[in-house]
Amino acid sequence: MKAQLFNEDPATLETRARRVVEGMALALQGSLLVRGAPPAVADAFCAARLGGDGGLEYGTLGAGSDFETIIARGRPQA
């Protein structure tokens, strides 16, 4: 992130700013999940989006994710 902020090339300023804002949005999402979601959901998000243990598409979480808890959270309550 530091390299994105302090690069001196003005031609890449807009691109770098977008990356910084993207990182800030992901950090905020992770923070909100850590505070209010079940640990399995927060852990999977943080590992995939902040830790690099996942792809860019939904369903590409790491093998260590608690899939049952994540899926159960999305099911309607009977």
PDB file of N, CA and C in Angstrom:
ATOM      1  N   MET A   1       0.837  -1.189   0.000  1.00  0.00           N
ATOM      2  CA  MET A   1       0.000   0.000   0.000  1.00  0.00           C
ATOM      3  C   MET A   1       0.876   1.244   0.000  1.00  0.00           C
ATOM      4  N   LYS A   2       1.961   1.197   0.728  1.00  0.00           N
ATOM      5  CA  LYS A   2       2.850   2.356   0.800  1.00  0.00           C
ATOM      6  C   LYS A   2       3.373   2.728  -0.587  1.00  0.00           C
ATOM      7  N   ALA A   3       3.730   1.731  -1.392  1.00  0.00           N
ATOM      8  CA  ALA A   3       4.219   2.005  -2.741  1.00  0.00           C
ATOM      9  C   ALA A   3       3.136   2.670  -3.588  1.00  0.00           C
ATOM     10  N   GLN A   4       1.884   2.324  -3.352  1.00  0.00           N
ATOM     11  CA  GLN A   4       0.786   2.941  -4.095  1.00  0.00           C
ATOM     12  C   GLN A   4       0.657   4.418  -3.746  1.00  0.00           C
ATOM     13  N   LEU A   5       0.874   4.753  -2.497  1.00  0.00           N
ATOM     14  CA  LEU A   5       0.699   6.131  -2.047  1.00  0.00           C
ATOM     15  C   LEU A   5       1.845   7.053  -2.428  1.00  0.00           C
ATOM     16  N   PHE A   6       3.052   6.563  -2.379  1.00  0.00           N
ATOM     17  CA  PHE A   6       4.214   7.434  -2.487  1.00  0.00           C
ATOM     18  C   PHE A   6       4.983   7.303  -3.793  1.00  0.00           C
ATOM     19  N   ASN A   7       4.370   6.739  -4.804  1.00  0.00           N
ATOM     20  CA  ASN A   7       4.979   6.677  -6.123  1.00  0.00           C
ATOM     21  C   ASN A   7       4.950   8.093  -6.696  1.00  0.00           C
ATOM     22  N   GLU A   8       6.029   8.527  -7.283  1.00  0.00           N
ATOM     23  CA  GLU A   8       6.139   9.912  -7.766  1.00  0.00           C
ATOM     24  C   GLU A   8       5.616  10.112  -9.188  1.00  0.00           C
ATOM     25  N   ASP A   9       5.173   9.072  -9.865  1.00  0.00           N
ATOM     26  CA  ASP A   9       4.756   9.185 -11.261  1.00  0.00           C
ATOM     27  C   ASP A   9       3.327   9.722 -11.355  1.00  0.00           C
ATOM     28  N   PRO A  10       3.137  10.979 -11.770  1.00  0.00           N
ATOM     29  CA  PRO A  10       1.801  11.556 -11.840  1.00  0.00           C
ATOM     30  C   PRO A  10       0.915  10.892 -12.891  1.00  0.00           C
ATOM     31  N   ALA A  11       1.491  10.230 -13.866  1.00  0.00           N
ATOM     32  CA  ALA A  11       0.706   9.569 -14.908  1.00  0.00           C
ATOM     33  C   ALA A  11      -0.098   8.390 -14.360  1.00  0.00           C
ATOM     34  N   THR A  12       0.326   7.845 -13.235  1.00  0.00           N
ATOM     35  CA  THR A  12      -0.374   6.687 -12.663  1.00  0.00           C
ATOM     36  C   THR A  12      -1.167   7.048 -11.403  1.00  0.00           C
ATOM     37  N   LEU A  13      -1.315   8.321 -11.134  1.00  0.00           N
ATOM     38  CA  LEU A  13      -1.977   8.760  -9.899  1.00  0.00           C
ATOM     39  C   LEU A  13      -3.405   8.227  -9.777  1.00  0.00           C
ATOM     40  N   GLU A  14      -4.195   8.351 -10.831  1.00  0.00           N
ATOM     41  CA  GLU A  14      -5.588   7.910 -10.759  1.00  0.00           C
ATOM     42  C   GLU A  14      -5.683   6.408 -10.524  1.00  0.00           C
ATOM     43  N   THR A  15      -4.889   5.644 -11.230  1.00  0.00           N
ATOM     44  CA  THR A  15      -4.893   4.194 -11.053  1.00  0.00           C
ATOM     45  C   THR A  15      -4.482   3.818  -9.638  1.00  0.00           C
ATOM     46  N   ARG A  16      -3.447   4.456  -9.134  1.00  0.00           N
ATOM     47  CA  ARG A  16      -2.983   4.161  -7.770  1.00  0.00           C
ATOM     48  C   ARG A  16      -4.028   4.546  -6.744  1.00  0.00           C
ATOM     49  N   ALA A  17      -4.693   5.673  -6.940  1.00  0.00           N
ATOM     50  CA  ALA A  17      -5.721   6.113  -5.991  1.00  0.00           C
ATOM     51  C   ALA A  17      -6.863   5.107  -5.932  1.00  0.00           C
ATOM     52  N   ARG A  18      -7.235   4.569  -7.088  1.00  0.00           N
ATOM     53  CA  ARG A  18      -8.312   3.565  -7.115  1.00  0.00           C
ATOM     54  C   ARG A  18      -7.911   2.315  -6.335  1.00  0.00           C
ATOM     55  N   ARG A  19      -6.668   1.906  -6.461  1.00  0.00           N
ATOM     56  CA  ARG A  19      -6.200   0.727  -5.713  1.00  0.00           C
ATOM     57  C   ARG A  19      -6.201   0.983  -4.204  1.00  0.00           C
ATOM     58  N   VAL A  20      -5.795   2.170  -3.811  1.00  0.00           N
ATOM     59  CA  VAL A  20      -5.779   2.517  -2.388  1.00  0.00           C
ATOM     60  C   VAL A  20      -7.208   2.503  -1.839  1.00  0.00           C
ATOM     61  N   VAL A  21      -8.147   3.101  -2.564  1.00  0.00           N
ATOM     62  CA  VAL A  21      -9.542   3.124  -2.121  1.00  0.00           C
ATOM     63  C   VAL A  21     -10.112   1.710  -2.083  1.00  0.00           C
ATOM     64  N   GLU A  22      -9.761   0.888  -3.052  1.00  0.00           N
ATOM     65  CA  GLU A  22     -10.205  -0.506  -3.050  1.00  0.00           C
ATOM     66  C   GLU A  22      -9.716  -1.220  -1.780  1.00  0.00           C
ATOM     67  N   GLY A  23      -8.450  -1.021  -1.442  1.00  0.00           N
ATOM     68  CA  GLY A  23      -7.902  -1.635  -0.235  1.00  0.00           C
ATOM     69  C   GLY A  23      -8.589  -1.137   1.022  1.00  0.00           C
ATOM     70  N   MET A  24      -8.912   0.145   1.050  1.00  0.00           N
ATOM     71  CA  MET A  24      -9.615   0.708   2.206  1.00  0.00           C
ATOM     72  C   MET A  24     -11.021   0.121   2.323  1.00  0.00           C
ATOM     73  N   ALA A  25     -11.708  -0.049   1.207  1.00  0.00           N
ATOM     74  CA  ALA A  25     -13.051  -0.630   1.220  1.00  0.00           C
ATOM     75  C   ALA A  25     -13.013  -2.075   1.716  1.00  0.00           C
ATOM     76  N   LEU A  26     -12.049  -2.837   1.257  1.00  0.00           N
ATOM     77  CA  LEU A  26     -11.917  -4.219   1.717  1.00  0.00           C
ATOM     78  C   LEU A  26     -11.608  -4.278   3.210  1.00  0.00           C
ATOM     79  N   ALA A  27     -10.754  -3.389   3.679  1.00  0.00           N
ATOM     80  CA  ALA A  27     -10.426  -3.356   5.106  1.00  0.00           C
ATOM     81  C   ALA A  27     -11.658  -2.999   5.936  1.00  0.00           C
ATOM     82  N   LEU A  28     -12.465  -2.052   5.460  1.00  0.00           N
ATOM     83  CA  LEU A  28     -13.689  -1.694   6.174  1.00  0.00           C
ATOM     84  C   LEU A  28     -14.674  -2.863   6.188  1.00  0.00           C
ATOM     85  N   GLN A  29     -14.832  -3.536   5.050  1.00  0.00           N
ATOM     86  CA  GLN A  29     -15.719  -4.698   5.000  1.00  0.00           C
ATOM     87  C   GLN A  29     -15.261  -5.765   5.991  1.00  0.00           C
ATOM     88  N   GLY A  30     -13.976  -6.040   5.993  1.00  0.00           N
ATOM     89  CA  GLY A  30     -13.447  -7.038   6.926  1.00  0.00           C
ATOM     90  C   GLY A  30     -13.673  -6.629   8.363  1.00  0.00           C
ATOM     91  N   SER A  31     -13.478  -5.360   8.668  1.00  0.00           N
ATOM     92  CA  SER A  31     -13.682  -4.858  10.025  1.00  0.00           C
ATOM     93  C   SER A  31     -15.130  -5.032  10.475  1.00  0.00           C
ATOM     94  N   LEU A  32     -16.054  -4.699   9.585  1.00  0.00           N
ATOM     95  CA  LEU A  32     -17.471  -4.843   9.923  1.00  0.00           C
ATOM     96  C   LEU A  32     -17.855  -6.307  10.129  1.00  0.00           C
ATOM     97  N   LEU A  33     -17.309  -7.187   9.298  1.00  0.00           N
ATOM     98  CA  LEU A  33     -17.597  -8.608   9.457  1.00  0.00           C
ATOM     99  C   LEU A  33     -17.009  -9.153  10.756  1.00  0.00           C
ATOM    100  N   VAL A  34     -15.799  -8.740  11.090  1.00  0.00           N
ATOM    101  CA  VAL A  34     -15.179  -9.206  12.337  1.00  0.00           C
ATOM    102  C   VAL A  34     -16.018  -8.785  13.541  1.00  0.00           C
ATOM    103  N   ARG A  35     -16.614  -7.599  13.469  1.00  0.00           N
ATOM    104  CA  ARG A  35     -17.427  -7.100  14.582  1.00  0.00           C
ATOM    105  C   ARG A  35     -18.832  -7.679  14.641  1.00  0.00           C
ATOM    106  N   GLY A  36     -19.415  -8.049  13.481  1.00  0.00           N
ATOM    107  CA  GLY A  36     -20.825  -8.404  13.516  1.00  0.00           C
ATOM    108  C   GLY A  36     -21.245  -9.709  12.887  1.00  0.00           C
ATOM    109  N   ALA A  37     -20.351 -10.414  12.239  1.00  0.00           N
ATOM    110  CA  ALA A  37     -20.713 -11.662  11.565  1.00  0.00           C
ATOM    111  C   ALA A  37     -20.164 -12.848  12.349  1.00  0.00           C
ATOM    112  N   PRO A  38     -20.689 -14.033  12.084  1.00  0.00           N
ATOM    113  CA  PRO A  38     -20.102 -15.227  12.707  1.00  0.00           C
ATOM    114  C   PRO A  38     -18.619 -15.334  12.339  1.00  0.00           C
ATOM    115  N   PRO A  39     -17.812 -15.839  13.244  1.00  0.00           N
ATOM    116  CA  PRO A  39     -16.372 -15.928  12.978  1.00  0.00           C
ATOM    117  C   PRO A  39     -16.033 -16.655  11.680  1.00  0.00           C
ATOM    118  N   ALA A  40     -16.784 -17.688  11.319  1.00  0.00           N
ATOM    119  CA  ALA A  40     -16.485 -18.427  10.087  1.00  0.00           C
ATOM    120  C   ALA A  40     -16.611 -17.522   8.863  1.00  0.00           C
ATOM    121  N   VAL A  41     -17.604 -16.646   8.864  1.00  0.00           N
ATOM    122  CA  VAL A  41     -17.827 -15.734   7.740  1.00  0.00           C
ATOM    123  C   VAL A  41     -16.716 -14.685   7.692  1.00  0.00           C
ATOM    124  N   ALA A  42     -16.440 -14.081   8.830  1.00  0.00           N
ATOM    125  CA  ALA A  42     -15.395 -13.057   8.887  1.00  0.00           C
ATOM    126  C   ALA A  42     -14.028 -13.626   8.531  1.00  0.00           C
ATOM    127  N   ASP A  43     -13.725 -14.796   9.055  1.00  0.00           N
ATOM    128  CA  ASP A  43     -12.430 -15.419   8.778  1.00  0.00           C
ATOM    129  C   ASP A  43     -12.272 -15.742   7.293  1.00  0.00           C
ATOM    130  N   ALA A  44     -13.330 -16.276   6.679  1.00  0.00           N
ATOM    131  CA  ALA A  44     -13.263 -16.627   5.257  1.00  0.00           C
ATOM    132  C   ALA A  44     -13.074 -15.370   4.407  1.00  0.00           C
ATOM    133  N   PHE A  45     -13.808 -14.302   4.719  1.00  0.00           N
ATOM    134  CA  PHE A  45     -13.673 -13.057   3.961  1.00  0.00           C
ATOM    135  C   PHE A  45     -12.257 -12.511   4.088  1.00  0.00           C
ATOM    136  N   CYS A  46     -11.770 -12.423   5.316  1.00  0.00           N
ATOM    137  CA  CYS A  46     -10.441 -11.844   5.543  1.00  0.00           C
ATOM    138  C   CYS A  46      -9.353 -12.671   4.861  1.00  0.00           C
ATOM    139  N   ALA A  47      -9.469 -13.987   4.924  1.00  0.00           N
ATOM    140  CA  ALA A  47      -8.467 -14.840   4.279  1.00  0.00           C
ATOM    141  C   ALA A  47      -8.501 -14.677   2.767  1.00  0.00           C
ATOM    142  N   ALA A  48      -9.716 -14.599   2.193  1.00  0.00           N
ATOM    143  CA  ALA A  48      -9.842 -14.537   0.741  1.00  0.00           C
ATOM    144  C   ALA A  48      -9.547 -13.150   0.188  1.00  0.00           C
ATOM    145  N   ARG A  49     -10.037 -12.116   0.848  1.00  0.00           N
ATOM    146  CA  ARG A  49      -9.934 -10.772   0.287  1.00  0.00           C
ATOM    147  C   ARG A  49      -8.752  -9.971   0.814  1.00  0.00           C
ATOM    148  N   LEU A  50      -8.311 -10.269   2.018  1.00  0.00           N
ATOM    149  CA  LEU A  50      -7.199  -9.509   2.605  1.00  0.00           C
ATOM    150  C   LEU A  50      -5.908 -10.318   2.662  1.00  0.00           C
ATOM    151  N   GLY A  51      -6.054 -11.636   2.812  1.00  0.00           N
ATOM    152  CA  GLY A  51      -4.876 -12.479   2.951  1.00  0.00           C
ATOM    153  C   GLY A  51      -4.434 -13.149   1.660  1.00  0.00           C
ATOM    154  N   GLY A  52      -5.254 -13.017   0.613  1.00  0.00           N
ATOM    155  CA  GLY A  52      -4.881 -13.588  -0.675  1.00  0.00           C
ATOM    156  C   GLY A  52      -5.168 -15.064  -0.827  1.00  0.00           C
ATOM    157  N   ASP A  53      -5.955 -15.665   0.102  1.00  0.00           N
ATOM    158  CA  ASP A  53      -6.258 -17.095   0.018  1.00  0.00           C
ATOM    159  C   ASP A  53      -7.603 -17.303  -0.679  1.00  0.00           C
ATOM    160  N   GLY A  54      -7.768 -16.757  -1.849  1.00  0.00           N
ATOM    161  CA  GLY A  54      -9.001 -16.921  -2.597  1.00  0.00           C
ATOM    162  C   GLY A  54      -8.899 -16.242  -3.941  1.00  0.00           C
ATOM    163  N   GLY A  55      -9.843 -16.554  -4.801  1.00  0.00           N
ATOM    164  CA  GLY A  55      -9.858 -15.947  -6.125  1.00  0.00           C
ATOM    165  C   GLY A  55     -10.745 -14.717  -6.148  1.00  0.00           C
ATOM    166  N   LEU A  56     -10.983 -14.215  -7.335  1.00  0.00           N
ATOM    167  CA  LEU A  56     -11.798 -13.022  -7.493  1.00  0.00           C
ATOM    168  C   LEU A  56     -13.281 -13.345  -7.668  1.00  0.00           C
ATOM    169  N   GLU A  57     -13.638 -14.596  -7.856  1.00  0.00           N
ATOM    170  CA  GLU A  57     -15.020 -15.003  -8.040  1.00  0.00           C
ATOM    171  C   GLU A  57     -15.571 -15.589  -6.744  1.00  0.00           C
ATOM    172  N   TYR A  58     -16.901 -15.481  -6.594  1.00  0.00           N
ATOM    173  CA  TYR A  58     -17.537 -16.117  -5.445  1.00  0.00           C
ATOM    174  C   TYR A  58     -17.340 -17.627  -5.540  1.00  0.00           C
ATOM    175  N   GLY A  59     -17.172 -18.260  -4.399  1.00  0.00           N
ATOM    176  CA  GLY A  59     -16.999 -19.699  -4.369  1.00  0.00           C
ATOM    177  C   GLY A  59     -15.554 -20.147  -4.480  1.00  0.00           C
ATOM    178  N   THR A  60     -14.629 -19.227  -4.426  1.00  0.00           N
ATOM    179  CA  THR A  60     -13.221 -19.605  -4.539  1.00  0.00           C
ATOM    180  C   THR A  60     -12.491 -19.400  -3.216  1.00  0.00           C
ATOM    181  N   LEU A  61     -13.175 -19.705  -2.132  1.00  0.00           N
ATOM    182  CA  LEU A  61     -12.564 -19.579  -0.812  1.00  0.00           C
ATOM    183  C   LEU A  61     -11.561 -20.704  -0.588  1.00  0.00           C
ATOM    184  N   GLY A  62     -10.681 -20.510   0.357  1.00  0.00           N
ATOM    185  CA  GLY A  62      -9.682 -21.515   0.680  1.00  0.00           C
ATOM    186  C   GLY A  62     -10.305 -22.780   1.242  1.00  0.00           C
ATOM    187  N   ALA A  63      -9.592 -23.877   1.131  1.00  0.00           N
ATOM    188  CA  ALA A  63     -10.092 -25.178   1.572  1.00  0.00           C
ATOM    189  C   ALA A  63     -10.363 -25.225   3.068  1.00  0.00           C
ATOM    190  N   GLY A  64      -9.738 -24.359   3.855  1.00  0.00           N
ATOM    191  CA  GLY A  64      -9.933 -24.361   5.297  1.00  0.00           C
ATOM    192  C   GLY A  64     -11.162 -23.597   5.762  1.00  0.00           C
ATOM    193  N   SER A  65     -11.923 -23.035   4.835  1.00  0.00           N
ATOM    194  CA  SER A  65     -13.107 -22.257   5.210  1.00  0.00           C
ATOM    195  C   SER A  65     -14.195 -23.161   5.775  1.00  0.00           C
ATOM    196  N   ASP A  66     -14.962 -22.630   6.707  1.00  0.00           N
ATOM    197  CA  ASP A  66     -16.079 -23.369   7.322  1.00  0.00           C
ATOM    198  C   ASP A  66     -17.317 -23.182   6.443  1.00  0.00           C
ATOM    199  N   PHE A  67     -17.382 -23.936   5.349  1.00  0.00           N
ATOM    200  CA  PHE A  67     -18.443 -23.770   4.364  1.00  0.00           C
ATOM    201  C   PHE A  67     -19.840 -24.009   4.939  1.00  0.00           C
ATOM    202  N   GLU A  68     -19.977 -24.981   5.803  1.00  0.00           N
ATOM    203  CA  GLU A  68     -21.296 -25.295   6.368  1.00  0.00           C
ATOM    204  C   GLU A  68     -21.876 -24.102   7.125  1.00  0.00           C
ATOM    205  N   THR A  69     -21.070 -23.451   7.926  1.00  0.00           N
ATOM    206  CA  THR A  69     -21.539 -22.285   8.686  1.00  0.00           C
ATOM    207  C   THR A  69     -21.869 -21.128   7.756  1.00  0.00           C
ATOM    208  N   ILE A  70     -21.042 -20.915   6.753  1.00  0.00           N
ATOM    209  CA  ILE A  70     -21.282 -19.832   5.803  1.00  0.00           C
ATOM    210  C   ILE A  70     -22.576 -20.074   5.032  1.00  0.00           C
ATOM    211  N   ILE A  71     -22.796 -21.286   4.564  1.00  0.00           N
ATOM    212  CA  ILE A  71     -24.011 -21.622   3.813  1.00  0.00           C
ATOM    213  C   ILE A  71     -25.235 -21.535   4.711  1.00  0.00           C
ATOM    214  N   ALA A  72     -25.128 -22.027   5.934  1.00  0.00           N
ATOM    215  CA  ALA A  72     -26.265 -21.985   6.867  1.00  0.00           C
ATOM    216  C   ALA A  72     -26.688 -20.543   7.155  1.00  0.00           C
ATOM    217  N   ARG A  73     -25.748 -19.641   7.175  1.00  0.00           N
ATOM    218  CA  ARG A  73     -26.077 -18.225   7.437  1.00  0.00           C
ATOM    219  C   ARG A  73     -26.957 -17.637   6.343  1.00  0.00           C
ATOM    220  N   GLY A  74     -26.804 -18.120   5.120  1.00  0.00           N
ATOM    221  CA  GLY A  74     -27.574 -17.606   3.999  1.00  0.00           C
ATOM    222  C   GLY A  74     -28.915 -18.275   3.788  1.00  0.00           C
ATOM    223  N   ARG A  75     -29.163 -19.374   4.497  1.00  0.00           N
ATOM    224  CA  ARG A  75     -30.442 -20.083   4.350  1.00  0.00           C
ATOM    225  C   ARG A  75     -31.522 -19.398   5.182  1.00  0.00           C
ATOM    226  N   PRO A  76     -32.750 -19.371   4.646  1.00  0.00           N
ATOM    227  CA  PRO A  76     -33.854 -18.819   5.428  1.00  0.00           C
ATOM    228  C   PRO A  76     -34.095 -19.667   6.683  1.00  0.00           C
ATOM    229  N   GLN A  77     -34.443 -18.993   7.747  1.00  0.00           N
ATOM    230  CA  GLN A  77     -34.736 -19.685   9.000  1.00  0.00           C
ATOM    231  C   GLN A  77     -36.138 -20.298   8.929  1.00  0.00           C
ATOM    232  N   ALA A  78     -36.276 -21.523   9.363  1.00  0.00           N
ATOM    233  CA  ALA A  78     -37.593 -22.204   9.321  1.00  0.00           C
ATOM    234  C   ALA A  78     -38.492 -21.766  10.446  1.00  0.00           C
TER     235      ALA A  78
END
